[in-house]
Amino acid sequence: MSEEKNTAKSTGTWGGARAGAGRKKKEGKDKTYVIFFRINEEENNLLKKYAEENNLSVGLFSKKAVLKTIGLDNDIQQ
């Protein structure tokens, strides 16, 4: 039985990536990044409160707040 496995692997008839297969990589402005940061419970509650008051998700609210702080809030995509 182990000989069959070795024989099958050595023939290379399956497995591996096909050329052009899979998801295409994004480039330029289409490429996005994920940023993580830790906050305590009180900060989390405040963040949720302000996001809800502004009808935004916590993620978008955080993004807008950071970009506004560094002066890049003119063209924020949702």
PDB file of N, CA and C in Angstrom:
ATOM      1  N   MET A   1       0.830  -1.196   0.000  1.00  0.00           N
ATOM      2  CA  MET A   1       0.000   0.000   0.000  1.00  0.00           C
ATOM      3  C   MET A   1       0.873   1.258   0.000  1.00  0.00           C
ATOM      4  N   SER A   2       1.917   1.273   0.768  1.00  0.00           N
ATOM      5  CA  SER A   2       2.773   2.453   0.796  1.00  0.00           C
ATOM      6  C   SER A   2       3.483   2.652  -0.539  1.00  0.00           C
ATOM      7  N   GLU A   3       3.709   1.548  -1.282  1.00  0.00           N
ATOM      8  CA  GLU A   3       4.319   1.680  -2.600  1.00  0.00           C
ATOM      9  C   GLU A   3       3.392   2.422  -3.554  1.00  0.00           C
ATOM     10  N   GLU A   4       2.081   2.175  -3.444  1.00  0.00           N
ATOM     11  CA  GLU A   4       1.115   2.849  -4.304  1.00  0.00           C
ATOM     12  C   GLU A   4       1.138   4.353  -4.060  1.00  0.00           C
ATOM     13  N   LYS A   5       1.209   4.740  -2.784  1.00  0.00           N
ATOM     14  CA  LYS A   5       1.238   6.164  -2.460  1.00  0.00           C
ATOM     15  C   LYS A   5       2.488   6.810  -3.034  1.00  0.00           C
ATOM     16  N   ASN A   6       3.609   6.173  -2.852  1.00  0.00           N
ATOM     17  CA  ASN A   6       4.865   6.724  -3.368  1.00  0.00           C
ATOM     18  C   ASN A   6       4.827   6.829  -4.887  1.00  0.00           C
ATOM     19  N   THR A   7       4.272   5.812  -5.535  1.00  0.00           N
ATOM     20  CA  THR A   7       4.180   5.813  -6.990  1.00  0.00           C
ATOM     21  C   THR A   7       3.277   6.957  -7.457  1.00  0.00           C
ATOM     22  N   ALA A   8       2.141   7.114  -6.795  1.00  0.00           N
ATOM     23  CA  ALA A   8       1.201   8.158  -7.191  1.00  0.00           C
ATOM     24  C   ALA A   8       1.815   9.539  -7.017  1.00  0.00           C
ATOM     25  N   LYS A   9       2.531   9.742  -5.935  1.00  0.00           N
ATOM     26  CA  LYS A   9       3.148  11.048  -5.701  1.00  0.00           C
ATOM     27  C   LYS A   9       4.243  11.323  -6.715  1.00  0.00           C
ATOM     28  N   SER A  10       4.968  10.319  -7.071  1.00  0.00           N
ATOM     29  CA  SER A  10       6.088  10.530  -7.971  1.00  0.00           C
ATOM     30  C   SER A  10       5.640  10.812  -9.402  1.00  0.00           C
ATOM     31  N   THR A  11       4.404  10.414  -9.763  1.00  0.00           N
ATOM     32  CA  THR A  11       3.944  10.672 -11.122  1.00  0.00           C
ATOM     33  C   THR A  11       3.539  12.130 -11.308  1.00  0.00           C
ATOM     34  N   GLY A  12       3.178  12.792 -10.212  1.00  0.00           N
ATOM     35  CA  GLY A  12       2.818  14.207 -10.294  1.00  0.00           C
ATOM     36  C   GLY A  12       1.556  14.446 -11.095  1.00  0.00           C
ATOM     37  N   THR A  13       0.567  13.577 -10.955  1.00  0.00           N
ATOM     38  CA  THR A  13      -0.647  13.722 -11.755  1.00  0.00           C
ATOM     39  C   THR A  13      -1.717  14.581 -11.105  1.00  0.00           C
ATOM     40  N   TRP A  14      -1.543  14.995  -9.893  1.00  0.00           N
ATOM     41  CA  TRP A  14      -2.547  15.844  -9.257  1.00  0.00           C
ATOM     42  C   TRP A  14      -1.875  16.777  -8.246  1.00  0.00           C
ATOM     43  N   GLY A  15      -2.637  17.754  -7.800  1.00  0.00           N
ATOM     44  CA  GLY A  15      -2.124  18.708  -6.812  1.00  0.00           C
ATOM     45  C   GLY A  15      -1.365  19.842  -7.469  1.00  0.00           C
ATOM     46  N   GLY A  16      -1.041  20.815  -6.669  1.00  0.00           N
ATOM     47  CA  GLY A  16      -0.293  21.955  -7.175  1.00  0.00           C
ATOM     48  C   GLY A  16      -1.194  22.991  -7.809  1.00  0.00           C
ATOM     49  N   ALA A  17      -0.650  24.143  -8.061  1.00  0.00           N
ATOM     50  CA  ALA A  17      -1.431  25.247  -8.611  1.00  0.00           C
ATOM     51  C   ALA A  17      -1.375  25.239 -10.134  1.00  0.00           C
ATOM     52  N   ARG A  18      -2.500  25.540 -10.736  1.00  0.00           N
ATOM     53  CA  ARG A  18      -2.541  25.679 -12.188  1.00  0.00           C
ATOM     54  C   ARG A  18      -2.217  27.128 -12.535  1.00  0.00           C
ATOM     55  N   ALA A  19      -1.572  27.303 -13.632  1.00  0.00           N
ATOM     56  CA  ALA A  19      -1.232  28.659 -14.087  1.00  0.00           C
ATOM     57  C   ALA A  19      -2.525  29.454 -14.304  1.00  0.00           C
ATOM     58  N   GLY A  20      -2.610  30.636 -13.744  1.00  0.00           N
ATOM     59  CA  GLY A  20      -3.774  31.502 -13.915  1.00  0.00           C
ATOM     60  C   GLY A  20      -4.945  31.182 -13.009  1.00  0.00           C
ATOM     61  N   ALA A  21      -4.809  30.184 -12.147  1.00  0.00           N
ATOM     62  CA  ALA A  21      -5.906  29.805 -11.266  1.00  0.00           C
ATOM     63  C   ALA A  21      -5.914  30.668 -10.017  1.00  0.00           C
ATOM     64  N   GLY A  22      -7.070  30.772  -9.389  1.00  0.00           N
ATOM     65  CA  GLY A  22      -7.173  31.490  -8.117  1.00  0.00           C
ATOM     66  C   GLY A  22      -7.552  32.941  -8.288  1.00  0.00           C
ATOM     67  N   ARG A  23      -7.716  33.596  -7.144  1.00  0.00           N
ATOM     68  CA  ARG A  23      -8.110  34.996  -7.127  1.00  0.00           C
ATOM     69  C   ARG A  23      -6.962  35.872  -7.619  1.00  0.00           C
ATOM     70  N   LYS A  24      -7.286  36.853  -8.424  1.00  0.00           N
ATOM     71  CA  LYS A  24      -6.268  37.762  -8.952  1.00  0.00           C
ATOM     72  C   LYS A  24      -5.882  38.781  -7.876  1.00  0.00           C
ATOM     73  N   LYS A  25      -4.613  39.117  -7.813  1.00  0.00           N
ATOM     74  CA  LYS A  25      -4.131  40.081  -6.828  1.00  0.00           C
ATOM     75  C   LYS A  25      -4.558  41.482  -7.236  1.00  0.00           C
ATOM     76  N   LYS A  26      -4.943  42.264  -6.232  1.00  0.00           N
ATOM     77  CA  LYS A  26      -5.327  43.653  -6.478  1.00  0.00           C
ATOM     78  C   LYS A  26      -4.076  44.513  -6.481  1.00  0.00           C
ATOM     79  N   GLU A  27      -4.133  45.562  -7.251  1.00  0.00           N
ATOM     80  CA  GLU A  27      -2.996  46.477  -7.343  1.00  0.00           C
ATOM     81  C   GLU A  27      -3.473  47.919  -7.207  1.00  0.00           C
ATOM     82  N   GLY A  28      -2.568  48.795  -6.874  1.00  0.00           N
ATOM     83  CA  GLY A  28      -2.878  50.219  -6.800  1.00  0.00           C
ATOM     84  C   GLY A  28      -3.892  50.550  -5.730  1.00  0.00           C
ATOM     85  N   LYS A  29      -4.857  51.413  -6.069  1.00  0.00           N
ATOM     86  CA  LYS A  29      -5.866  51.864  -5.106  1.00  0.00           C
ATOM     87  C   LYS A  29      -6.875  50.774  -4.763  1.00  0.00           C
ATOM     88  N   ASP A  30      -6.940  49.716  -5.558  1.00  0.00           N
ATOM     89  CA  ASP A  30      -7.874  48.624  -5.271  1.00  0.00           C
ATOM     90  C   ASP A  30      -7.383  47.752  -4.124  1.00  0.00           C
ATOM     91  N   LYS A  31      -6.092  47.774  -3.842  1.00  0.00           N
ATOM     92  CA  LYS A  31      -5.526  46.947  -2.780  1.00  0.00           C
ATOM     93  C   LYS A  31      -5.898  47.551  -1.424  1.00  0.00           C
ATOM     94  N   THR A  32      -6.339  46.719  -0.502  1.00  0.00           N
ATOM     95  CA  THR A  32      -6.728  47.207   0.825  1.00  0.00           C
ATOM     96  C   THR A  32      -5.917  46.495   1.907  1.00  0.00           C
ATOM     97  N   TYR A  33      -5.928  47.054   3.088  1.00  0.00           N
ATOM     98  CA  TYR A  33      -5.187  46.520   4.230  1.00  0.00           C
ATOM     99  C   TYR A  33      -6.107  46.451   5.432  1.00  0.00           C
ATOM    100  N   VAL A  34      -5.817  45.548   6.328  1.00  0.00           N
ATOM    101  CA  VAL A  34      -6.571  45.413   7.565  1.00  0.00           C
ATOM    102  C   VAL A  34      -5.681  45.890   8.697  1.00  0.00           C
ATOM    103  N   ILE A  35      -6.228  46.737   9.561  1.00  0.00           N
ATOM    104  CA  ILE A  35      -5.472  47.264  10.702  1.00  0.00           C
ATOM    105  C   ILE A  35      -6.196  46.849  11.973  1.00  0.00           C
ATOM    106  N   PHE A  36      -5.454  46.337  12.933  1.00  0.00           N
ATOM    107  CA  PHE A  36      -6.010  45.929  14.217  1.00  0.00           C
ATOM    108  C   PHE A  36      -5.465  46.829  15.317  1.00  0.00           C
ATOM    109  N   PHE A  37      -6.288  47.116  16.294  1.00  0.00           N
ATOM    110  CA  PHE A  37      -5.808  47.793  17.494  1.00  0.00           C
ATOM    111  C   PHE A  37      -6.666  47.371  18.661  1.00  0.00           C
ATOM    112  N   ARG A  38      -6.117  47.460  19.847  1.00  0.00           N
ATOM    113  CA  ARG A  38      -6.817  47.024  21.047  1.00  0.00           C
ATOM    114  C   ARG A  38      -7.313  48.231  21.830  1.00  0.00           C
ATOM    115  N   ILE A  39      -8.533  48.085  22.357  1.00  0.00           N
ATOM    116  CA  ILE A  39      -9.107  49.116  23.213  1.00  0.00           C
ATOM    117  C   ILE A  39      -9.777  48.418  24.391  1.00  0.00           C
ATOM    118  N   ASN A  40      -9.944  49.173  25.471  1.00  0.00           N
ATOM    119  CA  ASN A  40     -10.591  48.568  26.636  1.00  0.00           C
ATOM    120  C   ASN A  40     -12.116  48.675  26.491  1.00  0.00           C
ATOM    121  N   GLU A  41     -12.839  48.145  27.453  1.00  0.00           N
ATOM    122  CA  GLU A  41     -14.302  48.083  27.370  1.00  0.00           C
ATOM    123  C   GLU A  41     -14.929  49.471  27.312  1.00  0.00           C
ATOM    124  N   GLU A  42     -14.434  50.393  28.125  1.00  0.00           N
ATOM    125  CA  GLU A  42     -14.983  51.754  28.132  1.00  0.00           C
ATOM    126  C   GLU A  42     -14.775  52.425  26.771  1.00  0.00           C
ATOM    127  N   GLU A  43     -13.585  52.282  26.211  1.00  0.00           N
ATOM    128  CA  GLU A  43     -13.302  52.865  24.895  1.00  0.00           C
ATOM    129  C   GLU A  43     -14.173  52.215  23.821  1.00  0.00           C
ATOM    130  N   ASN A  44     -14.379  50.921  23.925  1.00  0.00           N
ATOM    131  CA  ASN A  44     -15.217  50.202  22.971  1.00  0.00           C
ATOM    132  C   ASN A  44     -16.658  50.715  23.013  1.00  0.00           C
ATOM    133  N   ASN A  45     -17.170  50.914  24.229  1.00  0.00           N
ATOM    134  CA  ASN A  45     -18.542  51.421  24.369  1.00  0.00           C
ATOM    135  C   ASN A  45     -18.677  52.818  23.784  1.00  0.00           C
ATOM    136  N   LEU A  46     -17.683  53.671  24.020  1.00  0.00           N
ATOM    137  CA  LEU A  46     -17.713  55.024  23.455  1.00  0.00           C
ATOM    138  C   LEU A  46     -17.638  54.986  21.931  1.00  0.00           C
ATOM    139  N   LEU A  47     -16.786  54.140  21.411  1.00  0.00           N
ATOM    140  CA  LEU A  47     -16.630  54.023  19.967  1.00  0.00           C
ATOM    141  C   LEU A  47     -17.937  53.565  19.319  1.00  0.00           C
ATOM    142  N   LYS A  48     -18.569  52.567  19.898  1.00  0.00           N
ATOM    143  CA  LYS A  48     -19.857  52.089  19.394  1.00  0.00           C
ATOM    144  C   LYS A  48     -20.915  53.189  19.455  1.00  0.00           C
ATOM    145  N   LYS A  49     -20.927  53.940  20.570  1.00  0.00           N
ATOM    146  CA  LYS A  49     -21.910  55.007  20.763  1.00  0.00           C
ATOM    147  C   LYS A  49     -21.762  56.084  19.693  1.00  0.00           C
ATOM    148  N   TYR A  50     -20.535  56.566  19.486  1.00  0.00           N
ATOM    149  CA  TYR A  50     -20.316  57.627  18.503  1.00  0.00           C
ATOM    150  C   TYR A  50     -20.561  57.138  17.081  1.00  0.00           C
ATOM    151  N   ALA A  51     -20.213  55.907  16.795  1.00  0.00           N
ATOM    152  CA  ALA A  51     -20.470  55.353  15.466  1.00  0.00           C
ATOM    153  C   ALA A  51     -21.967  55.281  15.205  1.00  0.00           C
ATOM    154  N   GLU A  52     -22.707  54.798  16.194  1.00  0.00           N
ATOM    155  CA  GLU A  52     -24.159  54.682  16.051  1.00  0.00           C
ATOM    156  C   GLU A  52     -24.802  56.050  15.887  1.00  0.00           C
ATOM    157  N   GLU A  53     -24.345  57.043  16.651  1.00  0.00           N
ATOM    158  CA  GLU A  53     -24.892  58.397  16.553  1.00  0.00           C
ATOM    159  C   GLU A  53     -24.671  58.998  15.172  1.00  0.00           C
ATOM    160  N   ASN A  54     -23.630  58.564  14.499  1.00  0.00           N
ATOM    161  CA  ASN A  54     -23.306  59.077  13.167  1.00  0.00           C
ATOM    162  C   ASN A  54     -23.767  58.136  12.053  1.00  0.00           C
ATOM    163  N   ASN A  55     -24.570  57.129  12.422  1.00  0.00           N
ATOM    164  CA  ASN A  55     -25.086  56.155  11.457  1.00  0.00           C
ATOM    165  C   ASN A  55     -23.985  55.504  10.623  1.00  0.00           C
ATOM    166  N   LEU A  56     -22.897  55.130  11.290  1.00  0.00           N
ATOM    167  CA  LEU A  56     -21.760  54.485  10.633  1.00  0.00           C
ATOM    168  C   LEU A  56     -21.423  53.190  11.349  1.00  0.00           C
ATOM    169  N   SER A  57     -20.773  52.301  10.633  1.00  0.00           N
ATOM    170  CA  SER A  57     -20.237  51.117  11.294  1.00  0.00           C
ATOM    171  C   SER A  57     -19.045  51.559  12.143  1.00  0.00           C
ATOM    172  N   VAL A  58     -18.681  50.743  13.096  1.00  0.00           N
ATOM    173  CA  VAL A  58     -17.525  51.071  13.945  1.00  0.00           C
ATOM    174  C   VAL A  58     -16.268  51.187  13.077  1.00  0.00           C
ATOM    175  N   GLY A  59     -16.138  50.299  12.095  1.00  0.00           N
ATOM    176  CA  GLY A  59     -14.970  50.327  11.217  1.00  0.00           C
ATOM    177  C   GLY A  59     -14.872  51.606  10.409  1.00  0.00           C
ATOM    178  N   LEU A  60     -15.982  51.998   9.785  1.00  0.00           N
ATOM    179  CA  LEU A  60     -15.965  53.221   8.975  1.00  0.00           C
ATOM    180  C   LEU A  60     -15.803  54.457   9.850  1.00  0.00           C
ATOM    181  N   PHE A  61     -16.450  54.459  11.012  1.00  0.00           N
ATOM    182  CA  PHE A  61     -16.284  55.586  11.923  1.00  0.00           C
ATOM    183  C   PHE A  61     -14.819  55.722  12.339  1.00  0.00           C
ATOM    184  N   SER A  62     -14.174  54.602  12.668  1.00  0.00           N
ATOM    185  CA  SER A  62     -12.765  54.614  13.059  1.00  0.00           C
ATOM    186  C   SER A  62     -11.886  55.114  11.926  1.00  0.00           C
ATOM    187  N   LYS A  63     -12.172  54.623  10.718  1.00  0.00           N
ATOM    188  CA  LYS A  63     -11.400  55.051   9.544  1.00  0.00           C
ATOM    189  C   LYS A  63     -11.522  56.553   9.336  1.00  0.00           C
ATOM    190  N   LYS A  64     -12.758  57.066   9.400  1.00  0.00           N
ATOM    191  CA  LYS A  64     -12.967  58.505   9.220  1.00  0.00           C
ATOM    192  C   LYS A  64     -12.241  59.314  10.298  1.00  0.00           C
ATOM    193  N   ALA A  65     -12.298  58.847  11.538  1.00  0.00           N
ATOM    194  CA  ALA A  65     -11.658  59.567  12.641  1.00  0.00           C
ATOM    195  C   ALA A  65     -10.145  59.626  12.453  1.00  0.00           C
ATOM    196  N   VAL A  66      -9.558  58.511  12.061  1.00  0.00           N
ATOM    197  CA  VAL A  66      -8.103  58.480  11.861  1.00  0.00           C
ATOM    198  C   VAL A  66      -7.709  59.373  10.696  1.00  0.00           C
ATOM    199  N   LEU A  67      -8.402  59.232   9.575  1.00  0.00           N
ATOM    200  CA  LEU A  67      -8.045  60.032   8.397  1.00  0.00           C
ATOM    201  C   LEU A  67      -8.277  61.513   8.632  1.00  0.00           C
ATOM    202  N   LYS A  68      -9.310  61.861   9.386  1.00  0.00           N
ATOM    203  CA  LYS A  68      -9.545  63.273   9.713  1.00  0.00           C
ATOM    204  C   LYS A  68      -8.412  63.805  10.583  1.00  0.00           C
ATOM    205  N   THR A  69      -7.954  63.005  11.524  1.00  0.00           N
ATOM    206  CA  THR A  69      -6.876  63.418  12.421  1.00  0.00           C
ATOM    207  C   THR A  69      -5.591  63.731  11.660  1.00  0.00           C
ATOM    208  N   ILE A  70      -5.312  62.954  10.611  1.00  0.00           N
ATOM    209  CA  ILE A  70      -4.072  63.183   9.863  1.00  0.00           C
ATOM    210  C   ILE A  70      -4.287  64.042   8.614  1.00  0.00           C
ATOM    211  N   GLY A  71      -5.509  64.571   8.446  1.00  0.00           N
ATOM    212  CA  GLY A  71      -5.782  65.520   7.370  1.00  0.00           C
ATOM    213  C   GLY A  71      -6.114  64.898   6.038  1.00  0.00           C
ATOM    214  N   LEU A  72      -6.546  63.654   6.004  1.00  0.00           N
ATOM    215  CA  LEU A  72      -6.884  63.012   4.751  1.00  0.00           C
ATOM    216  C   LEU A  72      -8.365  62.663   4.668  1.00  0.00           C
ATOM    217  N   ASP A  73      -9.206  63.498   5.238  1.00  0.00           N
ATOM    218  CA  ASP A  73     -10.636  63.178   5.322  1.00  0.00           C
ATOM    219  C   ASP A  73     -11.451  63.711   4.151  1.00  0.00           C
ATOM    220  N   ASN A  74     -10.820  64.272   3.121  1.00  0.00           N
ATOM    221  CA  ASN A  74     -11.563  64.880   2.037  1.00  0.00           C
ATOM    222  C   ASN A  74     -12.325  63.870   1.181  1.00  0.00           C
ATOM    223  N   ASP A  75     -11.725  62.707   0.929  1.00  0.00           N
ATOM    224  CA  ASP A  75     -12.328  61.752   0.005  1.00  0.00           C
ATOM    225  C   ASP A  75     -12.329  60.353   0.617  1.00  0.00           C
ATOM    226  N   ILE A  76     -13.214  60.149   1.601  1.00  0.00           N
ATOM    227  CA  ILE A  76     -13.295  58.862   2.263  1.00  0.00           C
ATOM    228  C   ILE A  76     -14.355  58.024   1.570  1.00  0.00           C
ATOM    229  N   GLN A  77     -13.921  56.859   1.074  1.00  0.00           N
ATOM    230  CA  GLN A  77     -14.866  55.951   0.429  1.00  0.00           C
ATOM    231  C   GLN A  77     -15.539  55.098   1.472  1.00  0.00           C
ATOM    232  N   GLN A  78     -16.806  54.794   1.248  1.00  0.00           N
ATOM    233  CA  GLN A  78     -17.535  53.968   2.192  1.00  0.00           C
ATOM    234  C   GLN A  78     -17.546  52.564   1.788  1.00  0.00           C
TER     235      GLN A  78
END
